[in-house]
Amino acid sequence: LKDFFFRGGGSRNVNLMEWDKLWTLNKRIIDPVCPRHVAVADLGRVLVTLTNGPATPEVVSVPRHKKHPPAGVKATTRMSRIWLEAVDAATVVEGEEVTLMDWGNCVIRTIHRNAAATIVGIDAELHLEGSVKSTKLKLTWLPDTAELVPLRLADFDYLITKKKVEEDDNFADIVNKHSKVESLAHGDANMRTFQKGDVLQLERKGYFIVDQVFMREGTPMVLLNIPDGRAKSWGVSVSGQGK
C-alpha cells in the first residue's frame, strides 16, 4: 500500500485511481515466493487414458516453485488415468503431441465424443522422449484419485458498473448485482495442508488466498481469487459498462 501511495505522489487533490496498479504491485510481491499447485474445473472435465502409462501409481517429488526452493516440494502422482479440463481437451487433435506439465510429452491417439459431439474421453500414449520445446500445448492435469481436494473458487468483479459516480446517479442503479462468481474444481492432494490466509498460485488460473481450509470430504476448500492487474475475461470490464 505504501508503494501504491508513493507512486501517486503527494497532492491535496482528490484523485480517482485504478485498482489495477495496486494489484500489479501486489503480484510483484507474491509471485516470486508463493507455491504453485494444480486445479481442474469439475464442469466437463475429461478423463484421459494413457495406454502405456504406469501399471501402478508412481509418486514423484517436484518443486512447489521452480525458482524459489524455500517453497519446498510437493508429491505428484503419475498414473494411467488423468483428468484434463474441458477447455484443454477441446484444443487437442488426434495425432498431436502435447506436454503434460511436470511429467513429459504424450501423443493424442483417440478422442471419444458422445452423440452431442461433446468430448467424453481421450486415449493417449506417453512419449517421454519427446522434446517439451517442440509442443504447442502445455497442459495441467490431475491423477484420477480419491485424494484430490474439492475446491470452491470465488472470483470478484467491480462493485459498481461505472468508474465514477456522478451526483445525479441513483446508486441502486449502478450496483453490480453479479460481482461474485463461483465455480467448483478439484485440486492436487498437497493442498490439504494449506491454512487460512495462505497464498498460492493455481497453474494457468491465477493467484488465490485460502478463505476456508479443507476439513472433510463433502466440504470444499474455499479459495478467493487475487487480482493481478490483468483485464478480466468476464464481468463489467468486458461488457463495457465500467466506463
C-alpha atoms as a PDB file:
ATOM      1  CA  LEU A   1       0.000   0.000   0.000  1.00  0.00           C
ATOM      2  CA  LYS A   2       2.843   2.409   0.809  1.00  0.00           C
ATOM      3  CA  ASP A   3       4.364   1.839  -2.624  1.00  0.00           C
ATOM      4  CA  PHE A   4       0.969   2.430  -4.229  1.00  0.00           C
ATOM      5  CA  PHE A   5       0.506   5.722  -2.387  1.00  0.00           C
ATOM      6  CA  PHE A   6       4.049   6.899  -3.067  1.00  0.00           C
ATOM      7  CA  ARG A   7       3.615   6.285  -6.776  1.00  0.00           C
ATOM      8  CA  GLY A   8       0.561   8.538  -6.735  1.00  0.00           C
ATOM      9  CA  GLY A   9       2.686  11.417  -5.463  1.00  0.00           C
ATOM     10  CA  GLY A  10       1.917  13.927  -2.744  1.00  0.00           C
ATOM     11  CA  SER A  11      -1.156  16.020  -3.502  1.00  0.00           C
ATOM     12  CA  ARG A  12      -4.053  17.720  -1.737  1.00  0.00           C
ATOM     13  CA  ASN A  13      -6.295  16.944  -4.688  1.00  0.00           C
ATOM     14  CA  VAL A  14      -8.811  14.131  -4.665  1.00  0.00           C
ATOM     15  CA  ASN A  15      -7.725  11.551  -7.249  1.00  0.00           C
ATOM     16  CA  LEU A  16      -9.531   8.618  -8.776  1.00  0.00           C
ATOM     17  CA  MET A  17      -7.058   5.775  -9.321  1.00  0.00           C
ATOM     18  CA  GLU A  18      -7.426   2.330 -10.884  1.00  0.00           C
ATOM     19  CA  TRP A  19      -7.159  -0.694  -8.601  1.00  0.00           C
ATOM     20  CA  ASP A  20      -5.170  -2.434 -11.336  1.00  0.00           C
ATOM     21  CA  LYS A  21      -1.998  -0.605 -10.317  1.00  0.00           C
ATOM     22  CA  LEU A  22      -2.298  -1.857  -6.745  1.00  0.00           C
ATOM     23  CA  TRP A  23      -2.882  -5.432  -7.857  1.00  0.00           C
ATOM     24  CA  THR A  24       0.098  -5.280 -10.224  1.00  0.00           C
ATOM     25  CA  LEU A  25       2.329  -4.185  -7.347  1.00  0.00           C
ATOM     26  CA  ASN A  26       0.913  -6.940  -5.164  1.00  0.00           C
ATOM     27  CA  LYS A  27       1.692  -9.534  -7.845  1.00  0.00           C
ATOM     28  CA  ARG A  28       5.349  -8.476  -7.802  1.00  0.00           C
ATOM     29  CA  ILE A  29       5.443  -9.349  -4.100  1.00  0.00           C
ATOM     30  CA  ILE A  30       3.622 -12.704  -4.100  1.00  0.00           C
ATOM     31  CA  ASP A  31       4.671 -14.191  -7.457  1.00  0.00           C
ATOM     32  CA  PRO A  32       8.362 -14.804  -6.619  1.00  0.00           C
ATOM     33  CA  VAL A  33       7.552 -16.814  -3.470  1.00  0.00           C
ATOM     34  CA  CYS A  34       4.045 -18.330  -3.485  1.00  0.00           C
ATOM     35  CA  PRO A  35       3.793 -22.096  -4.199  1.00  0.00           C
ATOM     36  CA  ARG A  36       2.331 -23.443  -7.436  1.00  0.00           C
ATOM     37  CA  HIS A  37      -0.438 -26.035  -7.452  1.00  0.00           C
ATOM     38  CA  VAL A  38      -2.882 -27.542  -9.946  1.00  0.00           C
ATOM     39  CA  ALA A  39      -6.678 -27.489 -10.102  1.00  0.00           C
ATOM     40  CA  VAL A  40      -9.054 -28.873 -12.721  1.00  0.00           C
ATOM     41  CA  ALA A  41     -12.560 -27.459 -13.093  1.00  0.00           C
ATOM     42  CA  ASP A  42     -15.288 -30.007 -12.411  1.00  0.00           C
ATOM     43  CA  LEU A  43     -17.571 -28.869 -15.226  1.00  0.00           C
ATOM     44  CA  GLY A  44     -16.978 -31.047 -18.269  1.00  0.00           C
ATOM     45  CA  ARG A  45     -13.625 -32.416 -17.138  1.00  0.00           C
ATOM     46  CA  VAL A  46     -12.326 -35.196 -19.371  1.00  0.00           C
ATOM     47  CA  LEU A  47     -10.690 -38.463 -18.348  1.00  0.00           C
ATOM     48  CA  VAL A  48      -7.553 -39.334 -20.322  1.00  0.00           C
ATOM     49  CA  THR A  49      -6.353 -42.933 -20.501  1.00  0.00           C
ATOM     50  CA  LEU A  50      -2.614 -43.286 -21.077  1.00  0.00           C
ATOM     51  CA  THR A  51      -2.367 -46.661 -22.788  1.00  0.00           C
ATOM     52  CA  ASN A  52       1.286 -47.087 -21.815  1.00  0.00           C
ATOM     53  CA  GLY A  53       1.039 -45.267 -18.502  1.00  0.00           C
ATOM     54  CA  PRO A  54       2.292 -46.652 -15.179  1.00  0.00           C
ATOM     55  CA  ALA A  55       0.784 -50.025 -14.271  1.00  0.00           C
ATOM     56  CA  THR A  56       0.664 -48.827 -10.662  1.00  0.00           C
ATOM     57  CA  PRO A  57       0.628 -45.202  -9.460  1.00  0.00           C
ATOM     58  CA  GLU A  58       4.056 -43.579  -9.147  1.00  0.00           C
ATOM     59  CA  VAL A  59       4.673 -40.738  -6.691  1.00  0.00           C
ATOM     60  CA  VAL A  60       7.413 -38.229  -7.500  1.00  0.00           C
ATOM     61  CA  SER A  61       8.532 -35.017  -5.785  1.00  0.00           C
ATOM     62  CA  VAL A  62       8.519 -31.785  -7.751  1.00  0.00           C
ATOM     63  CA  PRO A  63       9.246 -28.211  -6.595  1.00  0.00           C
ATOM     64  CA  ARG A  64       6.326 -26.120  -5.408  1.00  0.00           C
ATOM     65  CA  HIS A  65       8.074 -23.157  -7.056  1.00  0.00           C
ATOM     66  CA  LYS A  66      10.831 -23.872  -9.569  1.00  0.00           C
ATOM     67  CA  LYS A  67      12.569 -20.532  -8.940  1.00  0.00           C
ATOM     68  CA  HIS A  68      12.113 -20.405  -5.157  1.00  0.00           C
ATOM     69  CA  PRO A  69      13.480 -23.547  -3.437  1.00  0.00           C
ATOM     70  CA  PRO A  70      12.353 -22.447   0.082  1.00  0.00           C
ATOM     71  CA  ALA A  71       8.775 -23.085  -1.079  1.00  0.00           C
ATOM     72  CA  GLY A  72       9.574 -26.788  -0.720  1.00  0.00           C
ATOM     73  CA  VAL A  73       8.380 -29.760  -2.737  1.00  0.00           C
ATOM     74  CA  LYS A  74       5.059 -31.431  -3.439  1.00  0.00           C
ATOM     75  CA  ALA A  75       4.135 -35.043  -4.190  1.00  0.00           C
ATOM     76  CA  THR A  76       2.749 -35.661  -7.675  1.00  0.00           C
ATOM     77  CA  THR A  77       1.067 -38.957  -8.513  1.00  0.00           C
ATOM     78  CA  ARG A  78       1.550 -40.246 -12.046  1.00  0.00           C
ATOM     79  CA  MET A  79      -0.878 -42.910 -13.236  1.00  0.00           C
ATOM     80  CA  SER A  80      -2.549 -44.225 -16.371  1.00  0.00           C
ATOM     81  CA  ARG A  81      -5.795 -42.254 -15.846  1.00  0.00           C
ATOM     82  CA  ILE A  82      -5.644 -38.473 -15.524  1.00  0.00           C
ATOM     83  CA  TRP A  83      -8.053 -35.538 -15.686  1.00  0.00           C
ATOM     84  CA  LEU A  84      -7.927 -32.637 -18.146  1.00  0.00           C
ATOM     85  CA  GLU A  85     -10.084 -29.531 -18.112  1.00  0.00           C
ATOM     86  CA  ALA A  86     -12.808 -29.400 -20.744  1.00  0.00           C
ATOM     87  CA  VAL A  87     -11.279 -26.300 -22.364  1.00  0.00           C
ATOM     88  CA  ASP A  88      -7.923 -28.065 -22.717  1.00  0.00           C
ATOM     89  CA  ALA A  89      -9.463 -31.265 -24.059  1.00  0.00           C
ATOM     90  CA  ALA A  90     -11.263 -29.200 -26.696  1.00  0.00           C
ATOM     91  CA  THR A  91      -7.967 -27.829 -28.029  1.00  0.00           C
ATOM     92  CA  VAL A  92      -6.212 -31.128 -28.783  1.00  0.00           C
ATOM     93  CA  VAL A  93      -6.471 -33.119 -32.012  1.00  0.00           C
ATOM     94  CA  GLU A  94      -5.762 -36.744 -32.802  1.00  0.00           C
ATOM     95  CA  GLY A  95      -2.118 -37.368 -33.655  1.00  0.00           C
ATOM     96  CA  GLU A  96      -0.926 -34.224 -31.857  1.00  0.00           C
ATOM     97  CA  GLU A  97       1.894 -34.329 -29.345  1.00  0.00           C
ATOM     98  CA  VAL A  98       1.304 -32.265 -26.216  1.00  0.00           C
ATOM     99  CA  THR A  99       3.153 -31.735 -22.940  1.00  0.00           C
ATOM    100  CA  LEU A 100       1.765 -32.822 -19.584  1.00  0.00           C
ATOM    101  CA  MET A 101       3.329 -30.332 -17.188  1.00  0.00           C
ATOM    102  CA  ASP A 102       5.754 -31.806 -14.625  1.00  0.00           C
ATOM    103  CA  TRP A 103       5.735 -35.123 -16.471  1.00  0.00           C
ATOM    104  CA  GLY A 104       6.526 -35.107 -20.185  1.00  0.00           C
ATOM    105  CA  ASN A 105       5.009 -35.470 -23.638  1.00  0.00           C
ATOM    106  CA  CYS A 106       2.172 -37.651 -24.847  1.00  0.00           C
ATOM    107  CA  VAL A 107       0.522 -38.224 -28.201  1.00  0.00           C
ATOM    108  CA  ILE A 108      -3.261 -37.928 -28.558  1.00  0.00           C
ATOM    109  CA  ARG A 109      -4.463 -41.128 -30.228  1.00  0.00           C
ATOM    110  CA  THR A 110      -8.262 -41.189 -29.995  1.00  0.00           C
ATOM    111  CA  ILE A 111     -10.825 -38.586 -28.937  1.00  0.00           C
ATOM    112  CA  HIS A 112     -14.170 -40.048 -27.839  1.00  0.00           C
ATOM    113  CA  ARG A 113     -17.329 -37.975 -28.266  1.00  0.00           C
ATOM    114  CA  ASN A 114     -20.976 -38.551 -27.367  1.00  0.00           C
ATOM    115  CA  ALA A 115     -23.998 -38.034 -29.608  1.00  0.00           C
ATOM    116  CA  ALA A 116     -23.865 -34.297 -28.905  1.00  0.00           C
ATOM    117  CA  ALA A 117     -20.216 -34.184 -30.095  1.00  0.00           C
ATOM    118  CA  THR A 118     -19.039 -33.437 -26.550  1.00  0.00           C
ATOM    119  CA  ILE A 119     -15.665 -34.922 -25.657  1.00  0.00           C
ATOM    120  CA  VAL A 120     -16.160 -37.627 -23.021  1.00  0.00           C
ATOM    121  CA  GLY A 121     -12.762 -39.324 -23.069  1.00  0.00           C
ATOM    122  CA  ILE A 122      -9.323 -39.368 -24.663  1.00  0.00           C
ATOM    123  CA  ASP A 123      -6.844 -42.152 -25.317  1.00  0.00           C
ATOM    124  CA  ALA A 124      -3.218 -41.057 -25.409  1.00  0.00           C
ATOM    125  CA  GLU A 125       0.242 -42.572 -25.405  1.00  0.00           C
ATOM    126  CA  LEU A 126       3.174 -41.321 -23.362  1.00  0.00           C
ATOM    127  CA  HIS A 127       6.161 -40.176 -25.411  1.00  0.00           C
ATOM    128  CA  LEU A 128       8.588 -39.129 -22.699  1.00  0.00           C
ATOM    129  CA  GLU A 129      11.463 -38.989 -25.186  1.00  0.00           C
ATOM    130  CA  GLY A 130       9.743 -36.083 -26.933  1.00  0.00           C
ATOM    131  CA  SER A 131      11.007 -32.527 -26.516  1.00  0.00           C
ATOM    132  CA  VAL A 132       8.925 -30.181 -24.388  1.00  0.00           C
ATOM    133  CA  LYS A 133      10.159 -27.324 -26.573  1.00  0.00           C
ATOM    134  CA  SER A 134       8.568 -28.839 -29.679  1.00  0.00           C
ATOM    135  CA  THR A 135       4.968 -28.861 -28.398  1.00  0.00           C
ATOM    136  CA  LYS A 136       2.458 -26.063 -28.706  1.00  0.00           C
ATOM    137  CA  LEU A 137       0.219 -27.121 -25.830  1.00  0.00           C
ATOM    138  CA  LYS A 138       1.442 -27.382 -22.237  1.00  0.00           C
ATOM    139  CA  LEU A 139      -1.434 -28.854 -20.217  1.00  0.00           C
ATOM    140  CA  THR A 140      -2.064 -29.063 -16.494  1.00  0.00           C
ATOM    141  CA  TRP A 141      -3.583 -32.318 -15.266  1.00  0.00           C
ATOM    142  CA  LEU A 142      -4.509 -34.263 -12.160  1.00  0.00           C
ATOM    143  CA  PRO A 143      -4.455 -38.005 -11.410  1.00  0.00           C
ATOM    144  CA  ASP A 144      -7.743 -39.868 -11.166  1.00  0.00           C
ATOM    145  CA  THR A 145      -7.503 -40.460  -7.432  1.00  0.00           C
ATOM    146  CA  ALA A 146      -9.787 -40.032  -4.440  1.00  0.00           C
ATOM    147  CA  GLU A 147      -7.106 -37.929  -2.715  1.00  0.00           C
ATOM    148  CA  LEU A 148      -7.923 -34.806  -4.747  1.00  0.00           C
ATOM    149  CA  VAL A 149      -9.178 -31.809  -2.749  1.00  0.00           C
ATOM    150  CA  PRO A 150     -12.632 -30.386  -3.610  1.00  0.00           C
ATOM    151  CA  LEU A 151     -12.451 -26.640  -4.197  1.00  0.00           C
ATOM    152  CA  ARG A 152     -14.822 -23.706  -4.463  1.00  0.00           C
ATOM    153  CA  LEU A 153     -13.142 -20.905  -6.402  1.00  0.00           C
ATOM    154  CA  ALA A 154     -14.524 -17.399  -5.956  1.00  0.00           C
ATOM    155  CA  ASP A 155     -13.793 -14.581  -8.391  1.00  0.00           C
ATOM    156  CA  PHE A 156     -14.839 -10.966  -7.935  1.00  0.00           C
ATOM    157  CA  ASP A 157     -15.781  -8.099 -10.216  1.00  0.00           C
ATOM    158  CA  TYR A 158     -16.246  -4.370  -9.565  1.00  0.00           C
ATOM    159  CA  LEU A 159     -18.948  -3.470  -7.028  1.00  0.00           C
ATOM    160  CA  ILE A 160     -20.388  -0.777  -9.286  1.00  0.00           C
ATOM    161  CA  THR A 161     -20.866  -0.678 -13.057  1.00  0.00           C
ATOM    162  CA  LYS A 162     -19.171   2.659 -13.801  1.00  0.00           C
ATOM    163  CA  LYS A 163     -15.808   4.153 -12.932  1.00  0.00           C
ATOM    164  CA  LYS A 164     -17.032   7.441 -11.482  1.00  0.00           C
ATOM    165  CA  VAL A 165     -20.244   8.040  -9.559  1.00  0.00           C
ATOM    166  CA  GLU A 166     -21.929  11.297 -10.573  1.00  0.00           C
ATOM    167  CA  GLU A 167     -24.053  13.420  -8.244  1.00  0.00           C
ATOM    168  CA  ASP A 168     -27.246  12.661 -10.151  1.00  0.00           C
ATOM    169  CA  ASP A 169     -26.654   8.892 -10.192  1.00  0.00           C
ATOM    170  CA  ASN A 170     -29.088   6.643  -8.371  1.00  0.00           C
ATOM    171  CA  PHE A 171     -26.641   4.401  -6.541  1.00  0.00           C
ATOM    172  CA  ALA A 172     -29.013   1.432  -6.635  1.00  0.00           C
ATOM    173  CA  ASP A 173     -28.970   1.585 -10.430  1.00  0.00           C
ATOM    174  CA  ILE A 174     -25.197   1.238 -10.715  1.00  0.00           C
ATOM    175  CA  VAL A 175     -24.643  -1.516  -8.176  1.00  0.00           C
ATOM    176  CA  ASN A 176     -23.208  -4.599  -9.850  1.00  0.00           C
ATOM    177  CA  LYS A 177     -25.569  -7.404  -8.841  1.00  0.00           C
ATOM    178  CA  HIS A 178     -23.241 -10.065 -10.264  1.00  0.00           C
ATOM    179  CA  SER A 179     -19.931  -9.089  -8.692  1.00  0.00           C
ATOM    180  CA  LYS A 180     -19.155 -12.590  -7.405  1.00  0.00           C
ATOM    181  CA  VAL A 181     -18.787 -15.741  -9.478  1.00  0.00           C
ATOM    182  CA  GLU A 182     -18.093 -19.174  -8.004  1.00  0.00           C
ATOM    183  CA  SER A 183     -17.007 -22.387  -9.671  1.00  0.00           C
ATOM    184  CA  LEU A 184     -16.220 -25.889  -8.453  1.00  0.00           C
ATOM    185  CA  ALA A 185     -12.959 -27.696  -9.079  1.00  0.00           C
ATOM    186  CA  HIS A 186     -10.590 -30.259  -7.609  1.00  0.00           C
ATOM    187  CA  GLY A 187      -7.019 -29.541  -6.570  1.00  0.00           C
ATOM    188  CA  ASP A 188      -3.977 -31.706  -6.014  1.00  0.00           C
ATOM    189  CA  ALA A 189      -3.736 -33.621  -2.727  1.00  0.00           C
ATOM    190  CA  ASN A 190      -0.920 -31.394  -1.406  1.00  0.00           C
ATOM    191  CA  MET A 191      -3.431 -28.588  -0.889  1.00  0.00           C
ATOM    192  CA  ARG A 192      -4.813 -30.366   2.172  1.00  0.00           C
ATOM    193  CA  THR A 193      -2.040 -28.785   4.257  1.00  0.00           C
ATOM    194  CA  PHE A 194      -2.904 -25.158   3.496  1.00  0.00           C
ATOM    195  CA  GLN A 195      -4.083 -22.900   6.301  1.00  0.00           C
ATOM    196  CA  LYS A 196      -6.475 -19.955   6.229  1.00  0.00           C
ATOM    197  CA  GLY A 197      -4.695 -16.908   4.806  1.00  0.00           C
ATOM    198  CA  ASP A 198      -2.110 -18.871   2.796  1.00  0.00           C
ATOM    199  CA  VAL A 199      -1.455 -17.538  -0.707  1.00  0.00           C
ATOM    200  CA  LEU A 200      -0.863 -19.798  -3.696  1.00  0.00           C
ATOM    201  CA  GLN A 201      -0.963 -19.841  -7.464  1.00  0.00           C
ATOM    202  CA  LEU A 202      -3.112 -22.313  -9.351  1.00  0.00           C
ATOM    203  CA  GLU A 203      -1.237 -23.016 -12.571  1.00  0.00           C
ATOM    204  CA  ARG A 204      -2.829 -21.214 -15.541  1.00  0.00           C
ATOM    205  CA  LYS A 205      -5.657 -19.902 -13.335  1.00  0.00           C
ATOM    206  CA  GLY A 206      -4.185 -17.178 -11.172  1.00  0.00           C
ATOM    207  CA  TYR A 207      -3.396 -16.302  -7.567  1.00  0.00           C
ATOM    208  CA  PHE A 208      -5.637 -17.241  -4.658  1.00  0.00           C
ATOM    209  CA  ILE A 209      -5.850 -16.876  -0.886  1.00  0.00           C
ATOM    210  CA  VAL A 210      -7.303 -19.598   1.333  1.00  0.00           C
ATOM    211  CA  ASP A 211     -10.578 -18.450   2.912  1.00  0.00           C
ATOM    212  CA  GLN A 212     -11.705 -21.835   4.234  1.00  0.00           C
ATOM    213  CA  VAL A 213      -9.415 -24.822   4.723  1.00  0.00           C
ATOM    214  CA  PHE A 214     -10.218 -28.384   3.709  1.00  0.00           C
ATOM    215  CA  MET A 215     -11.789 -30.112   6.708  1.00  0.00           C
ATOM    216  CA  ARG A 216     -13.551 -33.230   5.444  1.00  0.00           C
ATOM    217  CA  GLU A 217     -14.992 -34.849   2.338  1.00  0.00           C
ATOM    218  CA  GLY A 218     -18.061 -33.038   1.035  1.00  0.00           C
ATOM    219  CA  THR A 219     -16.909 -29.653   2.361  1.00  0.00           C
ATOM    220  CA  PRO A 220     -14.760 -27.908  -0.245  1.00  0.00           C
ATOM    221  CA  MET A 221     -11.789 -25.693   0.456  1.00  0.00           C
ATOM    222  CA  VAL A 222     -12.692 -22.100  -0.445  1.00  0.00           C
ATOM    223  CA  LEU A 223     -10.169 -20.030  -2.403  1.00  0.00           C
ATOM    224  CA  LEU A 224     -10.604 -16.337  -3.197  1.00  0.00           C
ATOM    225  CA  ASN A 225      -9.079 -15.017  -6.396  1.00  0.00           C
ATOM    226  CA  ILE A 226      -6.410 -12.320  -6.020  1.00  0.00           C
ATOM    227  CA  PRO A 227      -6.458  -9.919  -8.992  1.00  0.00           C
ATOM    228  CA  ASP A 228      -3.100  -9.494 -10.725  1.00  0.00           C
ATOM    229  CA  GLY A 229      -3.730  -6.313 -12.716  1.00  0.00           C
ATOM    230  CA  ARG A 230      -4.677  -8.044 -15.954  1.00  0.00           C
ATOM    231  CA  ALA A 231      -8.002  -7.380 -17.667  1.00  0.00           C
ATOM    232  CA  LYS A 232     -10.676  -9.933 -16.791  1.00  0.00           C
ATOM    233  CA  SER A 233     -12.292 -12.141 -19.391  1.00  0.00           C
ATOM    234  CA  TRP A 234     -15.733 -11.604 -17.830  1.00  0.00           C
ATOM    235  CA  GLY A 235     -17.768  -9.012 -15.935  1.00  0.00           C
ATOM    236  CA  VAL A 236     -18.033  -5.250 -16.068  1.00  0.00           C
ATOM    237  CA  SER A 237     -14.757  -4.686 -17.893  1.00  0.00           C
ATOM    238  CA  VAL A 238     -15.721  -6.946 -20.781  1.00  0.00           C
ATOM    239  CA  SER A 239     -19.337  -5.776 -21.035  1.00  0.00           C
ATOM    240  CA  GLY A 240     -18.148  -2.199 -21.445  1.00  0.00           C
ATOM    241  CA  GLN A 241     -20.217  -0.930 -18.510  1.00  0.00           C
ATOM    242  CA  GLY A 242     -17.277   0.246 -16.419  1.00  0.00           C
ATOM    243  CA  LYS A 243     -16.556   3.345 -18.490  1.00  0.00           C
END
